[in-house]
Amino acid sequence: MKIEISDGLYSEFEYLHELLKKGSSSGLEFDTPQELIAYALSSIADGSRRPGSWERGMLESMGLVADCPEHFEYRQTYGKPKDE
């Protein structure tokens, strides 16, 4: 799968990557802006499937938590549960 983002948005990730290379208190290291983008997207996906995670707070702030019981159930794997 390919995801396209605007040049302006990508330039912000390039700049964020540059800033993080200067120093990051998190200990996370990204070799490329693409790795940083992949990390951000995986954090969103993890917040969707793990209600108690720190990533869920990010989704809540973004308004990306569905108001249905299914979105409050922990899932070990990504995607729709197999029993549905």
C-alpha atoms as a PDB file:
ATOM      1  CA  MET A   1       0.000   0.000   0.000  1.00  0.00           C
ATOM      2  CA  LYS A   2       1.157   3.505  -0.722  1.00  0.00           C
ATOM      3  CA  ILE A   3       0.006   6.577   1.154  1.00  0.00           C
ATOM      4  CA  GLU A   4       0.311   9.978  -0.454  1.00  0.00           C
ATOM      5  CA  ILE A   5       0.703  13.172   1.545  1.00  0.00           C
ATOM      6  CA  SER A   6       1.094  16.743   0.394  1.00  0.00           C
ATOM      7  CA  ASP A   7       4.545  18.187  -0.142  1.00  0.00           C
ATOM      8  CA  GLY A   8       3.950  20.670   2.665  1.00  0.00           C
ATOM      9  CA  LEU A   9       3.025  17.942   5.127  1.00  0.00           C
ATOM     10  CA  TYR A  10       6.013  15.850   4.100  1.00  0.00           C
ATOM     11  CA  SER A  11       8.312  18.850   4.560  1.00  0.00           C
ATOM     12  CA  GLU A  12       7.073  19.124   8.160  1.00  0.00           C
ATOM     13  CA  PHE A  13       8.027  15.489   8.778  1.00  0.00           C
ATOM     14  CA  GLU A  14      11.424  16.170   7.206  1.00  0.00           C
ATOM     15  CA  TYR A  15      11.906  19.084   9.578  1.00  0.00           C
ATOM     16  CA  LEU A  16      10.703  17.077  12.589  1.00  0.00           C
ATOM     17  CA  HIS A  17      13.143  14.328  11.605  1.00  0.00           C
ATOM     18  CA  GLU A  18      15.939  16.906  11.419  1.00  0.00           C
ATOM     19  CA  LEU A  19      15.054  18.259  14.857  1.00  0.00           C
ATOM     20  CA  LEU A  20      14.918  14.792  16.403  1.00  0.00           C
ATOM     21  CA  LYS A  21      18.355  14.001  14.996  1.00  0.00           C
ATOM     22  CA  LYS A  22      19.680  16.968  16.989  1.00  0.00           C
ATOM     23  CA  GLY A  23      18.391  15.378  20.160  1.00  0.00           C
ATOM     24  CA  SER A  24      15.413  13.508  21.503  1.00  0.00           C
ATOM     25  CA  SER A  25      14.644  12.694  25.126  1.00  0.00           C
ATOM     26  CA  SER A  26      12.541   9.693  24.043  1.00  0.00           C
ATOM     27  CA  GLY A  27      15.468   7.626  22.841  1.00  0.00           C
ATOM     28  CA  LEU A  28      13.660   6.931  19.573  1.00  0.00           C
ATOM     29  CA  GLU A  29      15.759   7.143  16.428  1.00  0.00           C
ATOM     30  CA  PHE A  30      14.528   7.303  12.851  1.00  0.00           C
ATOM     31  CA  ASP A  31      16.852   6.966   9.873  1.00  0.00           C
ATOM     32  CA  THR A  32      14.442   8.679   7.489  1.00  0.00           C
ATOM     33  CA  PRO A  33      11.335  10.854   7.566  1.00  0.00           C
ATOM     34  CA  GLN A  34       9.467   7.835   6.154  1.00  0.00           C
ATOM     35  CA  GLU A  35      10.332   5.824   9.282  1.00  0.00           C
ATOM     36  CA  LEU A  36       8.990   8.668  11.419  1.00  0.00           C
ATOM     37  CA  ILE A  37       5.747   8.709   9.418  1.00  0.00           C
ATOM     38  CA  ALA A  38       5.432   4.913   9.744  1.00  0.00           C
ATOM     39  CA  TYR A  39       5.901   5.233  13.521  1.00  0.00           C
ATOM     40  CA  ALA A  40       3.159   7.865  13.734  1.00  0.00           C
ATOM     41  CA  LEU A  41       0.758   5.699  11.716  1.00  0.00           C
ATOM     42  CA  SER A  42       1.518   2.576  13.747  1.00  0.00           C
ATOM     43  CA  SER A  43       0.876   4.546  16.935  1.00  0.00           C
ATOM     44  CA  ILE A  44      -2.572   5.481  15.643  1.00  0.00           C
ATOM     45  CA  ALA A  45      -3.314   1.847  14.770  1.00  0.00           C
ATOM     46  CA  ASP A  46      -2.102   0.679  18.191  1.00  0.00           C
ATOM     47  CA  GLY A  47      -4.331   3.239  19.909  1.00  0.00           C
ATOM     48  CA  SER A  48      -7.295   1.916  17.972  1.00  0.00           C
ATOM     49  CA  ARG A  49      -6.833  -1.679  19.119  1.00  0.00           C
ATOM     50  CA  ARG A  50      -5.537  -1.056  22.663  1.00  0.00           C
ATOM     51  CA  PRO A  51      -7.963   1.057  24.744  1.00  0.00           C
ATOM     52  CA  GLY A  52      -5.633   1.369  27.757  1.00  0.00           C
ATOM     53  CA  SER A  53      -2.536   2.419  25.839  1.00  0.00           C
ATOM     54  CA  TRP A  54      -0.856   5.820  25.717  1.00  0.00           C
ATOM     55  CA  GLU A  55      -1.644   5.841  21.984  1.00  0.00           C
ATOM     56  CA  ARG A  56      -5.391   5.756  22.761  1.00  0.00           C
ATOM     57  CA  GLY A  57      -5.056   9.145  24.423  1.00  0.00           C
ATOM     58  CA  MET A  58      -3.710  10.483  21.144  1.00  0.00           C
ATOM     59  CA  LEU A  59      -6.740   9.098  19.282  1.00  0.00           C
ATOM     60  CA  GLU A  60      -9.103  10.571  21.867  1.00  0.00           C
ATOM     61  CA  SER A  61      -7.482  13.997  21.416  1.00  0.00           C
ATOM     62  CA  MET A  62      -7.913  13.662  17.658  1.00  0.00           C
ATOM     63  CA  GLY A  63     -11.579  12.597  17.930  1.00  0.00           C
ATOM     64  CA  LEU A  64     -10.834   9.176  16.408  1.00  0.00           C
ATOM     65  CA  VAL A  65     -12.509   6.896  18.959  1.00  0.00           C
ATOM     66  CA  ALA A  66     -15.803   5.468  17.758  1.00  0.00           C
ATOM     67  CA  ASP A  67     -18.749   5.630  20.159  1.00  0.00           C
ATOM     68  CA  CYS A  68     -19.489   1.908  20.108  1.00  0.00           C
ATOM     69  CA  PRO A  69     -18.614  -0.963  22.446  1.00  0.00           C
ATOM     70  CA  GLU A  70     -16.392  -2.689  19.879  1.00  0.00           C
ATOM     71  CA  HIS A  71     -13.886   0.167  19.923  1.00  0.00           C
ATOM     72  CA  PHE A  72     -13.395  -0.254  23.667  1.00  0.00           C
ATOM     73  CA  GLU A  73     -12.349  -3.914  23.434  1.00  0.00           C
ATOM     74  CA  TYR A  74      -8.676  -4.878  23.421  1.00  0.00           C
ATOM     75  CA  ARG A  75      -7.527  -6.702  20.266  1.00  0.00           C
ATOM     76  CA  GLN A  76      -4.216  -8.560  19.965  1.00  0.00           C
ATOM     77  CA  THR A  77      -4.043  -8.187  16.198  1.00  0.00           C
ATOM     78  CA  TYR A  78      -4.722  -5.434  13.695  1.00  0.00           C
ATOM     79  CA  GLY A  79      -7.943  -5.296  11.699  1.00  0.00           C
ATOM     80  CA  LYS A  80     -11.472  -6.460  12.211  1.00  0.00           C
ATOM     81  CA  PRO A  81     -11.737  -9.441  14.587  1.00  0.00           C
ATOM     82  CA  LYS A  82     -12.116 -12.755  12.764  1.00  0.00           C
ATOM     83  CA  ASP A  83     -15.329 -13.701  14.607  1.00  0.00           C
ATOM     84  CA  GLU A  84     -17.298 -10.821  13.068  1.00  0.00           C
END
